[in-house]
C-alpha atoms as a PDB file:
ATOM      1  CA  MET A   1       0.006  -0.014  -0.044  1.00  0.00           C
ATOM      2  CA  GLU A   2       1.394   3.349  -0.955  1.00  0.00           C
ATOM      3  CA  THR A   3       2.006   5.933   1.599  1.00  0.00           C
ATOM      4  CA  LEU A   4       0.205   9.379   1.308  1.00  0.00           C
ATOM      5  CA  ARG A   5       2.009  12.544   2.597  1.00  0.00           C
ATOM      6  CA  SER A   6       0.813  15.974   2.341  1.00  0.00           C
ATOM      7  CA  ILE A   7       2.123  19.461   2.931  1.00  0.00           C
ATOM      8  CA  THR A   8      -0.377  22.222   3.292  1.00  0.00           C
ATOM      9  CA  THR A   9       0.419  26.009   3.503  1.00  0.00           C
ATOM     10  CA  GLU A  10      -1.816  29.028   3.707  1.00  0.00           C
ATOM     11  CA  ILE A  11      -0.735  32.588   3.136  1.00  0.00           C
ATOM     12  CA  THR A  12      -2.103  36.028   2.688  1.00  0.00           C
ATOM     13  CA  VAL A  13      -0.867  37.632  -0.502  1.00  0.00           C
ATOM     14  CA  ASN A  14      -0.891  41.541  -0.774  1.00  0.00           C
ATOM     15  CA  ALA A  15      -2.597  41.438  -4.145  1.00  0.00           C
ATOM     16  CA  SER A  16      -5.991  40.976  -5.577  1.00  0.00           C
ATOM     17  CA  THR A  17      -7.438  37.593  -6.257  1.00  0.00           C
ATOM     18  CA  GLU A  18      -7.495  38.404 -10.035  1.00  0.00           C
ATOM     19  CA  LYS A  19      -3.666  39.212  -9.934  1.00  0.00           C
ATOM     20  CA  VAL A  20      -2.748  36.099  -8.019  1.00  0.00           C
ATOM     21  CA  TRP A  21      -4.823  34.041 -10.393  1.00  0.00           C
ATOM     22  CA  ALA A  22      -3.056  35.577 -13.395  1.00  0.00           C
ATOM     23  CA  ALA A  23       0.245  34.900 -11.959  1.00  0.00           C
ATOM     24  CA  LEU A  24      -0.366  31.192 -10.827  1.00  0.00           C
ATOM     25  CA  PHE A  25      -2.824  29.953 -13.518  1.00  0.00           C
ATOM     26  CA  THR A  26      -2.906  32.299 -16.478  1.00  0.00           C
ATOM     27  CA  ARG A  27       0.923  32.509 -16.742  1.00  0.00           C
ATOM     28  CA  PHE A  28       1.199  28.817 -15.682  1.00  0.00           C
ATOM     29  CA  GLY A  29       4.300  28.138 -17.834  1.00  0.00           C
ATOM     30  CA  GLU A  30       6.060  31.149 -16.375  1.00  0.00           C
ATOM     31  CA  ILE A  31       5.998  30.023 -12.724  1.00  0.00           C
ATOM     32  CA  HIS A  32       9.958  30.443 -12.371  1.00  0.00           C
ATOM     33  CA  LEU A  33       9.254  34.237 -12.322  1.00  0.00           C
ATOM     34  CA  PHE A  34       7.251  33.901  -9.046  1.00  0.00           C
ATOM     35  CA  ASN A  35       8.902  30.765  -7.426  1.00  0.00           C
ATOM     36  CA  PRO A  36      12.559  31.315  -6.388  1.00  0.00           C
ATOM     37  CA  ASN A  37      13.046  27.566  -6.031  1.00  0.00           C
ATOM     38  CA  LEU A  38      13.101  27.105  -9.775  1.00  0.00           C
ATOM     39  CA  GLU A  39      15.785  27.801 -12.213  1.00  0.00           C
ATOM     40  CA  GLY A  40      13.373  28.087 -15.137  1.00  0.00           C
ATOM     41  CA  SER A  41       9.940  26.911 -16.560  1.00  0.00           C
ATOM     42  CA  ASN A  42       8.051  26.814 -19.909  1.00  0.00           C
ATOM     43  CA  PHE A  43       4.937  25.731 -21.584  1.00  0.00           C
ATOM     44  CA  THR A  44       5.222  22.433 -23.390  1.00  0.00           C
ATOM     45  CA  LYS A  45       1.574  21.712 -24.490  1.00  0.00           C
ATOM     46  CA  GLY A  46      -1.642  23.538 -24.842  1.00  0.00           C
ATOM     47  CA  THR A  47      -2.649  27.086 -24.374  1.00  0.00           C
ATOM     48  CA  SER A  48      -1.609  29.349 -21.465  1.00  0.00           C
ATOM     49  CA  GLY A  49      -4.219  29.191 -18.675  1.00  0.00           C
ATOM     50  CA  ASP A  50      -6.287  26.496 -20.167  1.00  0.00           C
ATOM     51  CA  VAL A  51      -7.295  23.089 -18.568  1.00  0.00           C
ATOM     52  CA  GLY A  52      -4.917  20.387 -20.041  1.00  0.00           C
ATOM     53  CA  CYS A  53      -1.950  22.693 -20.709  1.00  0.00           C
ATOM     54  CA  GLU A  54       1.368  21.498 -19.535  1.00  0.00           C
ATOM     55  CA  ARG A  55       4.744  22.988 -18.406  1.00  0.00           C
ATOM     56  CA  GLN A  56       8.174  21.830 -17.432  1.00  0.00           C
ATOM     57  CA  CYS A  57       9.793  23.165 -14.262  1.00  0.00           C
ATOM     58  CA  TYR A  58      13.540  23.043 -13.720  1.00  0.00           C
ATOM     59  CA  LEU A  59      14.656  22.652 -10.237  1.00  0.00           C
ATOM     60  CA  ASP A  60      18.307  22.704 -11.224  1.00  0.00           C
ATOM     61  CA  SER A  61      20.247  21.935 -14.488  1.00  0.00           C
ATOM     62  CA  LYS A  62      19.474  18.177 -14.238  1.00  0.00           C
ATOM     63  CA  THR A  63      16.222  17.898 -12.340  1.00  0.00           C
ATOM     64  CA  TYR A  64      12.886  18.783 -13.814  1.00  0.00           C
ATOM     65  CA  ILE A  65       9.121  17.880 -13.533  1.00  0.00           C
ATOM     66  CA  SER A  66       6.378  18.075 -16.135  1.00  0.00           C
ATOM     67  CA  GLU A  67       2.997  19.349 -14.704  1.00  0.00           C
ATOM     68  CA  LYS A  68      -0.542  19.428 -16.194  1.00  0.00           C
ATOM     69  CA  ILE A  69      -3.524  21.414 -15.181  1.00  0.00           C
ATOM     70  CA  LEU A  70      -6.335  18.999 -14.466  1.00  0.00           C
ATOM     71  CA  SER A  71      -9.191  21.158 -13.557  1.00  0.00           C
ATOM     72  CA  ALA A  72     -10.060  24.746 -12.706  1.00  0.00           C
ATOM     73  CA  GLU A  73     -12.765  26.947 -11.383  1.00  0.00           C
ATOM     74  CA  THR A  74     -11.893  30.455 -12.428  1.00  0.00           C
ATOM     75  CA  LEU A  75     -10.589  32.667  -9.645  1.00  0.00           C
ATOM     76  CA  LYS A  76     -11.261  29.996  -7.049  1.00  0.00           C
ATOM     77  CA  THR A  77      -9.312  26.744  -7.457  1.00  0.00           C
ATOM     78  CA  PHE A  78      -7.255  24.677  -9.717  1.00  0.00           C
ATOM     79  CA  SER A  79      -5.421  21.257  -9.589  1.00  0.00           C
ATOM     80  CA  VAL A  80      -2.062  20.303 -11.119  1.00  0.00           C
ATOM     81  CA  ASP A  81      -0.647  16.824 -11.395  1.00  0.00           C
ATOM     82  CA  VAL A  82       3.088  15.911 -12.009  1.00  0.00           C
ATOM     83  CA  VAL A  83       2.941  13.854 -15.212  1.00  0.00           C
ATOM     84  CA  GLY A  84       6.707  13.368 -15.756  1.00  0.00           C
ATOM     85  CA  GLY A  85      10.196  14.309 -14.966  1.00  0.00           C
ATOM     86  CA  ASN A  86      13.104  13.046 -13.070  1.00  0.00           C
ATOM     87  CA  MET A  87      12.472  14.334  -9.479  1.00  0.00           C
ATOM     88  CA  PRO A  88      13.579  11.750  -6.969  1.00  0.00           C
ATOM     89  CA  MET A  89      11.491  10.194  -4.225  1.00  0.00           C
ATOM     90  CA  VAL A  90       8.019  10.916  -5.511  1.00  0.00           C
ATOM     91  CA  LYS A  91       5.939   8.597  -7.809  1.00  0.00           C
ATOM     92  CA  THR A  92       2.821  10.794  -8.006  1.00  0.00           C
ATOM     93  CA  LEU A  93       2.227  14.407  -6.869  1.00  0.00           C
ATOM     94  CA  ARG A  94      -1.015  16.393  -6.998  1.00  0.00           C
ATOM     95  CA  VAL A  95      -1.190  20.070  -6.041  1.00  0.00           C
ATOM     96  CA  GLN A  96      -4.450  21.824  -5.262  1.00  0.00           C
ATOM     97  CA  ILE A  97      -4.549  25.698  -5.148  1.00  0.00           C
ATOM     98  CA  ARG A  98      -7.473  27.576  -3.574  1.00  0.00           C
ATOM     99  CA  LEU A  99      -7.923  31.445  -3.669  1.00  0.00           C
ATOM    100  CA  LYS A 100     -10.270  33.479  -1.493  1.00  0.00           C
ATOM    101  CA  THR A 101     -10.553  37.138  -1.615  1.00  0.00           C
ATOM    102  CA  GLY A 102      -9.127  38.651   1.578  1.00  0.00           C
ATOM    103  CA  GLN A 103     -11.244  40.691   4.018  1.00  0.00           C
ATOM    104  CA  GLY A 104     -10.461  44.384   3.295  1.00  0.00           C
ATOM    105  CA  LYS A 105      -7.077  45.835   2.495  1.00  0.00           C
ATOM    106  CA  SER A 106      -3.720  45.114   4.044  1.00  0.00           C
ATOM    107  CA  ASN A 107      -2.012  47.755   6.317  1.00  0.00           C
ATOM    108  CA  THR A 108      -0.236  49.005   3.178  1.00  0.00           C
ATOM    109  CA  GLY A 109      -3.461  49.540   1.232  1.00  0.00           C
ATOM    110  CA  PHE A 110      -3.321  46.559  -0.996  1.00  0.00           C
ATOM    111  CA  ASP A 111      -6.188  44.267  -1.807  1.00  0.00           C
ATOM    112  CA  THR A 112      -5.470  40.720  -0.104  1.00  0.00           C
ATOM    113  CA  CYS A 113      -6.034  37.153  -1.306  1.00  0.00           C
ATOM    114  CA  GLN A 114      -5.860  33.983   0.881  1.00  0.00           C
ATOM    115  CA  LEU A 115      -3.893  31.379  -0.924  1.00  0.00           C
ATOM    116  CA  HIS A 116      -4.287  27.697   0.298  1.00  0.00           C
ATOM    117  CA  HIS A 117      -1.780  25.311  -1.269  1.00  0.00           C
ATOM    118  CA  GLN A 118      -1.955  21.476  -0.620  1.00  0.00           C
ATOM    119  CA  ALA A 119       0.515  19.006  -2.159  1.00  0.00           C
ATOM    120  CA  LEU A 120      -0.250  15.344  -1.950  1.00  0.00           C
ATOM    121  CA  PHE A 121       2.575  12.933  -2.402  1.00  0.00           C
ATOM    122  CA  TYR A 122       1.778   9.339  -3.224  1.00  0.00           C
ATOM    123  CA  GLY A 123       4.399   6.606  -3.047  1.00  0.00           C
ATOM    124  CA  CYS A 124       6.936   8.850  -1.236  1.00  0.00           C
ATOM    125  CA  THR A 125      10.025   6.893  -0.454  1.00  0.00           C
ATOM    126  CA  HIS A 126      11.384   9.351   2.296  1.00  0.00           C
ATOM    127  CA  GLU A 127       9.989  11.529   4.983  1.00  0.00           C
ATOM    128  CA  VAL A 128       9.002  15.069   3.747  1.00  0.00           C
ATOM    129  CA  ALA A 129      10.572  17.613   5.911  1.00  0.00           C
ATOM    130  CA  ILE A 130      10.264  21.465   5.653  1.00  0.00           C
END
């Protein structure tokens, strides 16, 4: 029986839900611009911001993953599966992103957005530590 492990994070972003959605979903292949843990990323299949589109994310010069958008509800939620690559330790990974418009403005006057991120790892061969 495969072991399921998960990592869940929740943060408040000082930007509107529309801007966060545009960065994470609409610009799906450009995630390296917003994720400092990646050396690069690019679209490999489909149209930007469409269910079914795919990207490759380069963790370093040798390690990459291929991801595909499985489902989406505009400005609310989307799911991504890892569909290929050579990242060690994980057989299957699904990520669920949920957005919720924040309550009012931040202390700096920005609109806010609550971002909930859950990663589910199946068949993980090592403990996941953060």
